[in-house]
Amino acid sequence: MIQLLLNFWKHQTAKEKFFLILISILFSYAVFQGFTKAVYKYKYFKLAVEQRDMYQDSISVLNIKVKNLISKAQTQTKLIKSTSKKIDIKLKNDEKIIDASDVSNDELDSFLSKYENR
C-alpha cells in the first residue's frame, strides 16, 4: 500500500504535488474545524441540559412551597369560617337573650353610655 502511494507520488509533477499537499492541508483543516465545532456543541448542550435540570429542580421546589402555602391558606380559611359561624351563632343567641329580657332600651343605653365615656 505504501509502495503504491510512493510510486504515485514519484510520477506526479511539481504542480500536481503542490495541489495534492494543498488539498491535504485543506481537508485536514476542515476535519479539525468540524471536530472543534462538534466539541463546542457537545459542551454547549451539556451546559444547557445542566441548566435545564437545575431550573426544573428549582421549579419543583417552588411548586412544593406554593402547595404548602395554598394548604395553609385553605386551613386558615376553614378555621376563620368556623370561627365566623360561631360568632354569628353567639350573636344571635345574645340578641335572643336581649330581646327576651325585661330590660328596656333606655336602661340598656344608659348602661352602655357609662362604659363609652371611659
PDB file of N, CA and C in Angstrom:
ATOM      1  N   MET A   1       0.827  -1.183   0.000  1.00  0.00           N
ATOM      2  CA  MET A   1       0.000   0.000   0.000  1.00  0.00           C
ATOM      3  C   MET A   1       0.875   1.252   0.000  1.00  0.00           C
ATOM      4  N   ILE A   2       1.886   1.259   0.880  1.00  0.00           N
ATOM      5  CA  ILE A   2       2.780   2.415   0.937  1.00  0.00           C
ATOM      6  C   ILE A   2       3.590   2.505  -0.359  1.00  0.00           C
ATOM      7  N   GLN A   3       3.984   1.355  -0.881  1.00  0.00           N
ATOM      8  CA  GLN A   3       4.751   1.328  -2.134  1.00  0.00           C
ATOM      9  C   GLN A   3       3.921   1.906  -3.277  1.00  0.00           C
ATOM     10  N   LEU A   4       2.641   1.634  -3.274  1.00  0.00           N
ATOM     11  CA  LEU A   4       1.747   2.150  -4.304  1.00  0.00           C
ATOM     12  C   LEU A   4       1.652   3.676  -4.219  1.00  0.00           C
ATOM     13  N   LEU A   5       1.532   4.201  -3.004  1.00  0.00           N
ATOM     14  CA  LEU A   5       1.463   5.648  -2.828  1.00  0.00           C
ATOM     15  C   LEU A   5       2.781   6.330  -3.207  1.00  0.00           C
ATOM     16  N   LEU A   6       3.921   5.680  -2.887  1.00  0.00           N
ATOM     17  CA  LEU A   6       5.218   6.258  -3.259  1.00  0.00           C
ATOM     18  C   LEU A   6       5.394   6.293  -4.772  1.00  0.00           C
ATOM     19  N   ASN A   7       4.978   5.245  -5.458  1.00  0.00           N
ATOM     20  CA  ASN A   7       5.056   5.231  -6.932  1.00  0.00           C
ATOM     21  C   ASN A   7       4.146   6.311  -7.520  1.00  0.00           C
ATOM     22  N   PHE A   8       2.954   6.479  -6.942  1.00  0.00           N
ATOM     23  CA  PHE A   8       2.032   7.518  -7.416  1.00  0.00           C
ATOM     24  C   PHE A   8       2.658   8.889  -7.228  1.00  0.00           C
ATOM     25  N   TRP A   9       3.312   9.104  -6.074  1.00  0.00           N
ATOM     26  CA  TRP A   9       3.933  10.386  -5.758  1.00  0.00           C
ATOM     27  C   TRP A   9       5.098  10.693  -6.694  1.00  0.00           C
ATOM     28  N   LYS A  10       5.874   9.679  -7.068  1.00  0.00           N
ATOM     29  CA  LYS A  10       7.041   9.882  -7.935  1.00  0.00           C
ATOM     30  C   LYS A  10       6.630  10.302  -9.337  1.00  0.00           C
ATOM     31  N   HIS A  11       5.506   9.846  -9.812  1.00  0.00           N
ATOM     32  CA  HIS A  11       5.095  10.116 -11.188  1.00  0.00           C
ATOM     33  C   HIS A  11       4.300  11.410 -11.331  1.00  0.00           C
ATOM     34  N   GLN A  12       4.151  12.195 -10.251  1.00  0.00           N
ATOM     35  CA  GLN A  12       3.422  13.453 -10.301  1.00  0.00           C
ATOM     36  C   GLN A  12       4.390  14.598 -10.565  1.00  0.00           C
ATOM     37  N   THR A  13       3.851  15.632 -11.237  1.00  0.00           N
ATOM     38  CA  THR A  13       4.678  16.820 -11.486  1.00  0.00           C
ATOM     39  C   THR A  13       4.670  17.685 -10.218  1.00  0.00           C
ATOM     40  N   ALA A  14       5.489  18.705 -10.211  1.00  0.00           N
ATOM     41  CA  ALA A  14       5.598  19.574  -9.039  1.00  0.00           C
ATOM     42  C   ALA A  14       4.280  20.321  -8.782  1.00  0.00           C
ATOM     43  N   LYS A  15       3.631  20.707  -9.853  1.00  0.00           N
ATOM     44  CA  LYS A  15       2.362  21.417  -9.726  1.00  0.00           C
ATOM     45  C   LYS A  15       1.307  20.492  -9.109  1.00  0.00           C
ATOM     46  N   GLU A  16       1.254  19.258  -9.567  1.00  0.00           N
ATOM     47  CA  GLU A  16       0.286  18.283  -9.022  1.00  0.00           C
ATOM     48  C   GLU A  16       0.594  17.962  -7.559  1.00  0.00           C
ATOM     49  N   LYS A  17       1.898  17.857  -7.232  1.00  0.00           N
ATOM     50  CA  LYS A  17       2.278  17.612  -5.837  1.00  0.00           C
ATOM     51  C   LYS A  17       1.836  18.777  -4.941  1.00  0.00           C
ATOM     52  N   PHE A  18       2.013  20.008  -5.450  1.00  0.00           N
ATOM     53  CA  PHE A  18       1.604  21.190  -4.691  1.00  0.00           C
ATOM     54  C   PHE A  18       0.095  21.147  -4.422  1.00  0.00           C
ATOM     55  N   PHE A  19      -0.700  20.844  -5.445  1.00  0.00           N
ATOM     56  CA  PHE A  19      -2.155  20.785  -5.277  1.00  0.00           C
ATOM     57  C   PHE A  19      -2.579  19.642  -4.356  1.00  0.00           C
ATOM     58  N   LEU A  20      -1.875  18.502  -4.428  1.00  0.00           N
ATOM     59  CA  LEU A  20      -2.186  17.397  -3.512  1.00  0.00           C
ATOM     60  C   LEU A  20      -1.903  17.787  -2.061  1.00  0.00           C
ATOM     61  N   ILE A  21      -0.779  18.478  -1.854  1.00  0.00           N
ATOM     62  CA  ILE A  21      -0.456  18.934  -0.494  1.00  0.00           C
ATOM     63  C   ILE A  21      -1.487  19.963  -0.031  1.00  0.00           C
ATOM     64  N   LEU A  22      -1.853  20.894  -0.919  1.00  0.00           N
ATOM     65  CA  LEU A  22      -2.845  21.910  -0.588  1.00  0.00           C
ATOM     66  C   LEU A  22      -4.200  21.271  -0.253  1.00  0.00           C
ATOM     67  N   ILE A  23      -4.612  20.299  -1.051  1.00  0.00           N
ATOM     68  CA  ILE A  23      -5.872  19.597  -0.789  1.00  0.00           C
ATOM     69  C   ILE A  23      -5.792  18.848   0.544  1.00  0.00           C
ATOM     70  N   SER A  24      -4.658  18.235   0.833  1.00  0.00           N
ATOM     71  CA  SER A  24      -4.493  17.519   2.098  1.00  0.00           C
ATOM     72  C   SER A  24      -4.585  18.476   3.286  1.00  0.00           C
ATOM     73  N   ILE A  25      -3.954  19.624   3.144  1.00  0.00           N
ATOM     74  CA  ILE A  25      -3.990  20.616   4.228  1.00  0.00           C
ATOM     75  C   ILE A  25      -5.422  21.141   4.415  1.00  0.00           C
ATOM     76  N   LEU A  26      -6.100  21.469   3.328  1.00  0.00           N
ATOM     77  CA  LEU A  26      -7.473  21.965   3.434  1.00  0.00           C
ATOM     78  C   LEU A  26      -8.410  20.909   4.018  1.00  0.00           C
ATOM     79  N   PHE A  27      -8.230  19.666   3.603  1.00  0.00           N
ATOM     80  CA  PHE A  27      -9.051  18.578   4.151  1.00  0.00           C
ATOM     81  C   PHE A  27      -8.795  18.423   5.654  1.00  0.00           C
ATOM     82  N   SER A  28      -7.522  18.472   6.049  1.00  0.00           N
ATOM     83  CA  SER A  28      -7.177  18.367   7.469  1.00  0.00           C
ATOM     84  C   SER A  28      -7.768  19.529   8.259  1.00  0.00           C
ATOM     85  N   TYR A  29      -7.719  20.727   7.685  1.00  0.00           N
ATOM     86  CA  TYR A  29      -8.290  21.895   8.355  1.00  0.00           C
ATOM     87  C   TYR A  29      -9.810  21.756   8.509  1.00  0.00           C
ATOM     88  N   ALA A  30     -10.475  21.266   7.457  1.00  0.00           N
ATOM     89  CA  ALA A  30     -11.931  21.077   7.525  1.00  0.00           C
ATOM     90  C   ALA A  30     -12.296  20.042   8.587  1.00  0.00           C
ATOM     91  N   VAL A  31     -11.526  18.962   8.656  1.00  0.00           N
ATOM     92  CA  VAL A  31     -11.788  17.935   9.671  1.00  0.00           C
ATOM     93  C   VAL A  31     -11.566  18.518  11.066  1.00  0.00           C
ATOM     94  N   PHE A  32     -10.511  19.300  11.220  1.00  0.00           N
ATOM     95  CA  PHE A  32     -10.222  19.925  12.512  1.00  0.00           C
ATOM     96  C   PHE A  32     -11.351  20.876  12.919  1.00  0.00           C
ATOM     97  N   GLN A  33     -11.817  21.710  11.982  1.00  0.00           N
ATOM     98  CA  GLN A  33     -12.901  22.640  12.283  1.00  0.00           C
ATOM     99  C   GLN A  33     -14.187  21.893  12.635  1.00  0.00           C
ATOM    100  N   GLY A  34     -14.479  20.840  11.913  1.00  0.00           N
ATOM    101  CA  GLY A  34     -15.663  20.038  12.230  1.00  0.00           C
ATOM    102  C   GLY A  34     -15.571  19.427  13.616  1.00  0.00           C
ATOM    103  N   PHE A  35     -14.404  18.953  13.951  1.00  0.00           N
ATOM    104  CA  PHE A  35     -14.196  18.362  15.276  1.00  0.00           C
ATOM    105  C   PHE A  35     -14.362  19.408  16.372  1.00  0.00           C
ATOM    106  N   THR A  36     -13.754  20.600  16.186  1.00  0.00           N
ATOM    107  CA  THR A  36     -13.861  21.633  17.214  1.00  0.00           C
ATOM    108  C   THR A  36     -15.308  22.110  17.365  1.00  0.00           C
ATOM    109  N   LYS A  37     -16.040  22.216  16.262  1.00  0.00           N
ATOM    110  CA  LYS A  37     -17.449  22.610  16.368  1.00  0.00           C
ATOM    111  C   LYS A  37     -18.271  21.534  17.065  1.00  0.00           C
ATOM    112  N   ALA A  38     -17.954  20.291  16.801  1.00  0.00           N
ATOM    113  CA  ALA A  38     -18.671  19.195  17.467  1.00  0.00           C
ATOM    114  C   ALA A  38     -18.409  19.222  18.966  1.00  0.00           C
ATOM    115  N   VAL A  39     -17.160  19.472  19.355  1.00  0.00           N
ATOM    116  CA  VAL A  39     -16.830  19.555  20.775  1.00  0.00           C
ATOM    117  C   VAL A  39     -17.533  20.755  21.408  1.00  0.00           C
ATOM    118  N   TYR A  40     -17.565  21.893  20.708  1.00  0.00           N
ATOM    119  CA  TYR A  40     -18.245  23.079  21.219  1.00  0.00           C
ATOM    120  C   TYR A  40     -19.737  22.805  21.414  1.00  0.00           C
ATOM    121  N   LYS A  41     -20.370  22.185  20.422  1.00  0.00           N
ATOM    122  CA  LYS A  41     -21.799  21.872  20.545  1.00  0.00           C
ATOM    123  C   LYS A  41     -22.044  20.904  21.687  1.00  0.00           C
ATOM    124  N   TYR A  42     -21.178  19.944  21.843  1.00  0.00           N
ATOM    125  CA  TYR A  42     -21.335  18.982  22.943  1.00  0.00           C
ATOM    126  C   TYR A  42     -21.278  19.697  24.292  1.00  0.00           C
ATOM    127  N   LYS A  43     -20.280  20.574  24.456  1.00  0.00           N
ATOM    128  CA  LYS A  43     -20.146  21.307  25.720  1.00  0.00           C
ATOM    129  C   LYS A  43     -21.335  22.248  25.936  1.00  0.00           C
ATOM    130  N   TYR A  44     -21.782  22.909  24.860  1.00  0.00           N
ATOM    131  CA  TYR A  44     -22.904  23.842  24.962  1.00  0.00           C
ATOM    132  C   TYR A  44     -24.175  23.106  25.373  1.00  0.00           C
ATOM    133  N   PHE A  45     -24.468  21.988  24.717  1.00  0.00           N
ATOM    134  CA  PHE A  45     -25.692  21.257  25.038  1.00  0.00           C
ATOM    135  C   PHE A  45     -25.600  20.591  26.413  1.00  0.00           C
ATOM    136  N   LYS A  46     -24.401  20.194  26.804  1.00  0.00           N
ATOM    137  CA  LYS A  46     -24.230  19.631  28.148  1.00  0.00           C
ATOM    138  C   LYS A  46     -24.537  20.700  29.192  1.00  0.00           C
ATOM    139  N   LEU A  47     -24.043  21.917  28.975  1.00  0.00           N
ATOM    140  CA  LEU A  47     -24.327  23.026  29.880  1.00  0.00           C
ATOM    141  C   LEU A  47     -25.817  23.364  29.867  1.00  0.00           C
ATOM    142  N   ALA A  48     -26.422  23.358  28.681  1.00  0.00           N
ATOM    143  CA  ALA A  48     -27.849  23.667  28.573  1.00  0.00           C
ATOM    144  C   ALA A  48     -28.688  22.628  29.316  1.00  0.00           C
ATOM    145  N   VAL A  49     -28.316  21.369  29.219  1.00  0.00           N
ATOM    146  CA  VAL A  49     -29.048  20.311  29.928  1.00  0.00           C
ATOM    147  C   VAL A  49     -28.884  20.469  31.441  1.00  0.00           C
ATOM    148  N   GLU A  50     -27.683  20.799  31.885  1.00  0.00           N
ATOM    149  CA  GLU A  50     -27.452  21.014  33.321  1.00  0.00           C
ATOM    150  C   GLU A  50     -28.288  22.182  33.834  1.00  0.00           C
ATOM    151  N   GLN A  51     -28.339  23.270  33.066  1.00  0.00           N
ATOM    152  CA  GLN A  51     -29.139  24.420  33.470  1.00  0.00           C
ATOM    153  C   GLN A  51     -30.620  24.070  33.479  1.00  0.00           C
ATOM    154  N   ARG A  52     -31.067  23.324  32.475  1.00  0.00           N
ATOM    155  CA  ARG A  52     -32.472  22.913  32.431  1.00  0.00           C
ATOM    156  C   ARG A  52     -32.818  22.073  33.654  1.00  0.00           C
ATOM    157  N   ASP A  53     -31.941  21.138  34.008  1.00  0.00           N
ATOM    158  CA  ASP A  53     -32.185  20.305  35.187  1.00  0.00           C
ATOM    159  C   ASP A  53     -32.222  21.152  36.459  1.00  0.00           C
ATOM    160  N   MET A  54     -31.314  22.127  36.553  1.00  0.00           N
ATOM    161  CA  MET A  54     -31.283  22.995  37.721  1.00  0.00           C
ATOM    162  C   MET A  54     -32.585  23.799  37.808  1.00  0.00           C
ATOM    163  N   TYR A  55     -33.033  24.347  36.672  1.00  0.00           N
ATOM    164  CA  TYR A  55     -34.270  25.123  36.670  1.00  0.00           C
ATOM    165  C   TYR A  55     -35.477  24.250  36.989  1.00  0.00           C
ATOM    166  N   GLN A  56     -35.497  23.023  36.491  1.00  0.00           N
ATOM    167  CA  GLN A  56     -36.601  22.113  36.804  1.00  0.00           C
ATOM    168  C   GLN A  56     -36.625  21.797  38.293  1.00  0.00           C
ATOM    169  N   ASP A  57     -35.451  21.610  38.887  1.00  0.00           N
ATOM    170  CA  ASP A  57     -35.390  21.347  40.322  1.00  0.00           C
ATOM    171  C   ASP A  57     -35.907  22.547  41.114  1.00  0.00           C
ATOM    172  N   SER A  58     -35.488  23.749  40.708  1.00  0.00           N
ATOM    173  CA  SER A  58     -35.948  24.936  41.435  1.00  0.00           C
ATOM    174  C   SER A  58     -37.443  25.149  41.246  1.00  0.00           C
ATOM    175  N   ILE A  59     -37.953  24.828  40.067  1.00  0.00           N
ATOM    176  CA  ILE A  59     -39.391  24.946  39.825  1.00  0.00           C
ATOM    177  C   ILE A  59     -40.149  23.949  40.688  1.00  0.00           C
ATOM    178  N   SER A  60     -39.645  22.736  40.810  1.00  0.00           N
ATOM    179  CA  SER A  60     -40.339  21.745  41.639  1.00  0.00           C
ATOM    180  C   SER A  60     -40.316  22.162  43.109  1.00  0.00           C
ATOM    181  N   VAL A  61     -39.205  22.753  43.564  1.00  0.00           N
ATOM    182  CA  VAL A  61     -39.145  23.241  44.943  1.00  0.00           C
ATOM    183  C   VAL A  61     -40.159  24.370  45.142  1.00  0.00           C
ATOM    184  N   LEU A  62     -40.242  25.271  44.177  1.00  0.00           N
ATOM    185  CA  LEU A  62     -41.198  26.369  44.278  1.00  0.00           C
ATOM    186  C   LEU A  62     -42.636  25.853  44.232  1.00  0.00           C
ATOM    187  N   ASN A  63     -42.889  24.823  43.423  1.00  0.00           N
ATOM    188  CA  ASN A  63     -44.234  24.236  43.376  1.00  0.00           C
ATOM    189  C   ASN A  63     -44.607  23.638  44.728  1.00  0.00           C
ATOM    190  N   ILE A  64     -43.656  23.000  45.381  1.00  0.00           N
ATOM    191  CA  ILE A  64     -43.913  22.435  46.713  1.00  0.00           C
ATOM    192  C   ILE A  64     -44.237  23.564  47.698  1.00  0.00           C
ATOM    193  N   LYS A  65     -43.472  24.659  47.627  1.00  0.00           N
ATOM    194  CA  LYS A  65     -43.729  25.792  48.515  1.00  0.00           C
ATOM    195  C   LYS A  65     -45.114  26.381  48.261  1.00  0.00           C
ATOM    196  N   VAL A  66     -45.484  26.496  46.987  1.00  0.00           N
ATOM    197  CA  VAL A  66     -46.799  27.044  46.642  1.00  0.00           C
ATOM    198  C   VAL A  66     -47.907  26.129  47.166  1.00  0.00           C
ATOM    199  N   LYS A  67     -47.734  24.813  47.015  1.00  0.00           N
ATOM    200  CA  LYS A  67     -48.740  23.875  47.520  1.00  0.00           C
ATOM    201  C   LYS A  67     -48.869  23.994  49.040  1.00  0.00           C
ATOM    202  N   ASN A  68     -47.743  24.140  49.733  1.00  0.00           N
ATOM    203  CA  ASN A  68     -47.782  24.313  51.188  1.00  0.00           C
ATOM    204  C   ASN A  68     -48.511  25.594  51.571  1.00  0.00           C
ATOM    205  N   LEU A  69     -48.222  26.689  50.846  1.00  0.00           N
ATOM    206  CA  LEU A  69     -48.898  27.948  51.132  1.00  0.00           C
ATOM    207  C   LEU A  69     -50.401  27.840  50.885  1.00  0.00           C
ATOM    208  N   ILE A  70     -50.771  27.172  49.806  1.00  0.00           N
ATOM    209  CA  ILE A  70     -52.190  27.011  49.485  1.00  0.00           C
ATOM    210  C   ILE A  70     -52.882  26.185  50.562  1.00  0.00           C
ATOM    211  N   SER A  71     -52.240  25.099  50.988  1.00  0.00           N
ATOM    212  CA  SER A  71     -52.867  24.265  52.021  1.00  0.00           C
ATOM    213  C   SER A  71     -52.993  25.025  53.338  1.00  0.00           C
ATOM    214  N   LYS A  72     -51.971  25.823  53.702  1.00  0.00           N
ATOM    215  CA  LYS A  72     -52.057  26.634  54.921  1.00  0.00           C
ATOM    216  C   LYS A  72     -53.184  27.659  54.801  1.00  0.00           C
ATOM    217  N   ALA A  73     -53.276  28.281  53.639  1.00  0.00           N
ATOM    218  CA  ALA A  73     -54.327  29.281  53.436  1.00  0.00           C
ATOM    219  C   ALA A  73     -55.708  28.632  53.498  1.00  0.00           C
ATOM    220  N   GLN A  74     -55.859  27.450  52.925  1.00  0.00           N
ATOM    221  CA  GLN A  74     -57.144  26.748  52.994  1.00  0.00           C
ATOM    222  C   GLN A  74     -57.489  26.388  54.429  1.00  0.00           C
ATOM    223  N   THR A  75     -56.501  25.948  55.188  1.00  0.00           N
ATOM    224  CA  THR A  75     -56.732  25.605  56.594  1.00  0.00           C
ATOM    225  C   THR A  75     -57.153  26.841  57.380  1.00  0.00           C
ATOM    226  N   GLN A  76     -56.462  27.943  57.158  1.00  0.00           N
ATOM    227  CA  GLN A  76     -56.813  29.180  57.851  1.00  0.00           C
ATOM    228  C   GLN A  76     -58.197  29.671  57.437  1.00  0.00           C
ATOM    229  N   THR A  77     -58.528  29.532  56.165  1.00  0.00           N
ATOM    230  CA  THR A  77     -59.844  29.950  55.690  1.00  0.00           C
ATOM    231  C   THR A  77     -60.941  29.125  56.350  1.00  0.00           C
ATOM    232  N   LYS A  78     -60.728  27.811  56.448  1.00  0.00           N
ATOM    233  CA  LYS A  78     -61.712  26.960  57.113  1.00  0.00           C
ATOM    234  C   LYS A  78     -61.853  27.335  58.578  1.00  0.00           C
ATOM    235  N   LEU A  79     -60.739  27.605  59.237  1.00  0.00           N
ATOM    236  CA  LEU A  79     -60.761  27.998  60.644  1.00  0.00           C
ATOM    237  C   LEU A  79     -61.503  29.317  60.824  1.00  0.00           C
ATOM    238  N   ILE A  80     -61.238  30.265  59.952  1.00  0.00           N
ATOM    239  CA  ILE A  80     -61.898  31.570  60.041  1.00  0.00           C
ATOM    240  C   ILE A  80     -63.390  31.434  59.774  1.00  0.00           C
ATOM    241  N   LYS A  81     -63.764  30.601  58.821  1.00  0.00           N
ATOM    242  CA  LYS A  81     -65.190  30.396  58.536  1.00  0.00           C
ATOM    243  C   LYS A  81     -65.902  29.784  59.741  1.00  0.00           C
ATOM    244  N   SER A  82     -65.265  28.790  60.354  1.00  0.00           N
ATOM    245  CA  SER A  82     -65.896  28.161  61.518  1.00  0.00           C
ATOM    246  C   SER A  82     -65.983  29.144  62.682  1.00  0.00           C
ATOM    247  N   THR A  83     -64.955  29.952  62.872  1.00  0.00           N
ATOM    248  CA  THR A  83     -64.977  30.969  63.926  1.00  0.00           C
ATOM    249  C   THR A  83     -66.062  32.002  63.643  1.00  0.00           C
ATOM    250  N   SER A  84     -66.184  32.384  62.372  1.00  0.00           N
ATOM    251  CA  SER A  84     -67.212  33.351  61.991  1.00  0.00           C
ATOM    252  C   SER A  84     -68.606  32.787  62.249  1.00  0.00           C
ATOM    253  N   LYS A  85     -68.810  31.523  61.952  1.00  0.00           N
ATOM    254  CA  LYS A  85     -70.108  30.893  62.214  1.00  0.00           C
ATOM    255  C   LYS A  85     -70.394  30.862  63.710  1.00  0.00           C
ATOM    256  N   LYS A  86     -69.381  30.540  64.512  1.00  0.00           N
ATOM    257  CA  LYS A  86     -69.553  30.525  65.973  1.00  0.00           C
ATOM    258  C   LYS A  86     -69.907  31.913  66.494  1.00  0.00           C
ATOM    259  N   ILE A  87     -69.247  32.933  65.961  1.00  0.00           N
ATOM    260  CA  ILE A  87     -69.539  34.307  66.388  1.00  0.00           C
ATOM    261  C   ILE A  87     -70.963  34.689  65.998  1.00  0.00           C
ATOM    262  N   ASP A  88     -71.383  34.324  64.772  1.00  0.00           N
ATOM    263  CA  ASP A  88     -72.751  34.626  64.336  1.00  0.00           C
ATOM    264  C   ASP A  88     -73.774  33.934  65.223  1.00  0.00           C
ATOM    265  N   ILE A  89     -73.515  32.672  65.556  1.00  0.00           N
ATOM    266  CA  ILE A  89     -74.433  31.934  66.438  1.00  0.00           C
ATOM    267  C   ILE A  89     -74.493  32.596  67.810  1.00  0.00           C
ATOM    268  N   LYS A  90     -73.341  32.976  68.351  1.00  0.00           N
ATOM    269  CA  LYS A  90     -73.287  33.648  69.653  1.00  0.00           C
ATOM    270  C   LYS A  90     -74.026  34.973  69.600  1.00  0.00           C
ATOM    271  N   LEU A  91     -73.869  35.721  68.503  1.00  0.00           N
ATOM    272  CA  LEU A  91     -74.556  37.000  68.342  1.00  0.00           C
ATOM    273  C   LEU A  91     -76.065  36.809  68.310  1.00  0.00           C
ATOM    274  N   LYS A  92     -76.522  35.803  67.582  1.00  0.00           N
ATOM    275  CA  LYS A  92     -77.965  35.530  67.517  1.00  0.00           C
ATOM    276  C   LYS A  92     -78.497  35.130  68.886  1.00  0.00           C
ATOM    277  N   ASN A  93     -77.735  34.311  69.596  1.00  0.00           N
ATOM    278  CA  ASN A  93     -78.156  33.921  70.948  1.00  0.00           C
ATOM    279  C   ASN A  93     -78.216  35.127  71.882  1.00  0.00           C
ATOM    280  N   ASP A  94     -77.227  35.998  71.778  1.00  0.00           N
ATOM    281  CA  ASP A  94     -77.226  37.203  72.604  1.00  0.00           C
ATOM    282  C   ASP A  94     -78.409  38.101  72.261  1.00  0.00           C
ATOM    283  N   GLU A  95     -78.726  38.212  70.963  1.00  0.00           N
ATOM    284  CA  GLU A  95     -79.876  39.019  70.562  1.00  0.00           C
ATOM    285  C   GLU A  95     -81.173  38.431  71.108  1.00  0.00           C
ATOM    286  N   LYS A  96     -81.288  37.102  71.097  1.00  0.00           N
ATOM    287  CA  LYS A  96     -82.481  36.455  71.650  1.00  0.00           C
ATOM    288  C   LYS A  96     -82.587  36.719  73.147  1.00  0.00           C
ATOM    289  N   ILE A  97     -81.429  36.642  73.817  1.00  0.00           N
ATOM    290  CA  ILE A  97     -81.430  36.891  75.266  1.00  0.00           C
ATOM    291  C   ILE A  97     -81.826  38.335  75.549  1.00  0.00           C
ATOM    292  N   ILE A  98     -81.282  39.260  74.766  1.00  0.00           N
ATOM    293  CA  ILE A  98     -81.596  40.673  74.972  1.00  0.00           C
ATOM    294  C   ILE A  98     -83.066  40.940  74.673  1.00  0.00           C
ATOM    295  N   ASP A  99     -83.573  40.367  73.566  1.00  0.00           N
ATOM    296  CA  ASP A  99     -84.975  40.567  73.212  1.00  0.00           C
ATOM    297  C   ASP A  99     -85.902  39.945  74.264  1.00  0.00           C
ATOM    298  N   ALA A 100     -85.511  38.840  74.874  1.00  0.00           N
ATOM    299  CA  ALA A 100     -86.350  38.163  75.857  1.00  0.00           C
ATOM    300  C   ALA A 100     -86.250  38.789  77.241  1.00  0.00           C
ATOM    301  N   SER A 101     -85.250  39.621  77.468  1.00  0.00           N
ATOM    302  CA  SER A 101     -85.092  40.210  78.802  1.00  0.00           C
ATOM    303  C   SER A 101     -86.111  41.322  79.019  1.00  0.00           C
ATOM    304  N   ASP A 102     -86.360  41.632  80.279  1.00  0.00           N
ATOM    305  CA  ASP A 102     -87.337  42.663  80.607  1.00  0.00           C
ATOM    306  C   ASP A 102     -86.682  44.014  80.850  1.00  0.00           C
ATOM    307  N   VAL A 103     -85.416  44.176  80.381  1.00  0.00           N
ATOM    308  CA  VAL A 103     -84.711  45.454  80.495  1.00  0.00           C
ATOM    309  C   VAL A 103     -85.086  46.282  79.272  1.00  0.00           C
ATOM    310  N   SER A 104     -85.427  47.539  79.494  1.00  0.00           N
ATOM    311  CA  SER A 104     -85.846  48.393  78.376  1.00  0.00           C
ATOM    312  C   SER A 104     -84.623  48.923  77.627  1.00  0.00           C
ATOM    313  N   ASN A 105     -84.882  49.472  76.449  1.00  0.00           N
ATOM    314  CA  ASN A 105     -83.799  50.027  75.624  1.00  0.00           C
ATOM    315  C   ASN A 105     -83.171  51.244  76.295  1.00  0.00           C
ATOM    316  N   ASP A 106     -83.969  52.027  76.988  1.00  0.00           N
ATOM    317  CA  ASP A 106     -83.424  53.205  77.676  1.00  0.00           C
ATOM    318  C   ASP A 106     -82.442  52.796  78.770  1.00  0.00           C
ATOM    319  N   GLU A 107     -82.770  51.745  79.498  1.00  0.00           N
ATOM    320  CA  GLU A 107     -81.874  51.268  80.543  1.00  0.00           C
ATOM    321  C   GLU A 107     -80.566  50.731  79.931  1.00  0.00           C
ATOM    322  N   LEU A 108     -80.702  50.013  78.800  1.00  0.00           N
ATOM    323  CA  LEU A 108     -79.502  49.493  78.112  1.00  0.00           C
ATOM    324  C   LEU A 108     -78.625  50.640  77.626  1.00  0.00           C
ATOM    325  N   ASP A 109     -79.256  51.674  77.063  1.00  0.00           N
ATOM    326  CA  ASP A 109     -78.482  52.823  76.564  1.00  0.00           C
ATOM    327  C   ASP A 109     -77.751  53.530  77.699  1.00  0.00           C
ATOM    328  N   SER A 110     -78.392  53.677  78.827  1.00  0.00           N
ATOM    329  CA  SER A 110     -77.719  54.334  79.949  1.00  0.00           C
ATOM    330  C   SER A 110     -76.586  53.462  80.489  1.00  0.00           C
ATOM    331  N   PHE A 111     -76.777  52.146  80.502  1.00  0.00           N
ATOM    332  CA  PHE A 111     -75.719  51.231  80.957  1.00  0.00           C
ATOM    333  C   PHE A 111     -74.509  51.283  80.024  1.00  0.00           C
ATOM    334  N   LEU A 112     -74.787  51.272  78.726  1.00  0.00           N
ATOM    335  CA  LEU A 112     -73.693  51.315  77.744  1.00  0.00           C
ATOM    336  C   LEU A 112     -72.997  52.666  77.735  1.00  0.00           C
ATOM    337  N   SER A 113     -73.729  53.729  77.984  1.00  0.00           N
ATOM    338  CA  SER A 113     -73.111  55.059  77.965  1.00  0.00           C
ATOM    339  C   SER A 113     -72.108  55.217  79.105  1.00  0.00           C
ATOM    340  N   LYS A 114     -72.309  54.515  80.198  1.00  0.00           N
ATOM    341  CA  LYS A 114     -71.338  54.551  81.297  1.00  0.00           C
ATOM    342  C   LYS A 114     -69.965  54.063  80.821  1.00  0.00           C
ATOM    343  N   TYR A 115     -69.940  52.964  80.025  1.00  0.00           N
ATOM    344  CA  TYR A 115     -68.684  52.381  79.573  1.00  0.00           C
ATOM    345  C   TYR A 115     -68.098  53.078  78.357  1.00  0.00           C
ATOM    346  N   GLU A 116     -68.942  53.768  77.611  1.00  0.00           N
ATOM    347  CA  GLU A 116     -68.418  54.521  76.451  1.00  0.00           C
ATOM    348  C   GLU A 116     -67.675  55.762  76.877  1.00  0.00           C
ATOM    349  N   ASN A 117     -68.031  56.311  78.019  1.00  0.00           N
ATOM    350  CA  ASN A 117     -67.407  57.549  78.484  1.00  0.00           C
ATOM    351  C   ASN A 117     -66.040  57.301  79.112  1.00  0.00           C
ATOM    352  N   ARG A 118     -65.652  56.119  79.342  1.00  0.00           N
ATOM    353  CA  ARG A 118     -64.371  55.818  79.970  1.00  0.00           C
ATOM    354  C   ARG A 118     -63.222  56.062  79.078  1.00  0.00           C
TER     355      ARG A 118
END
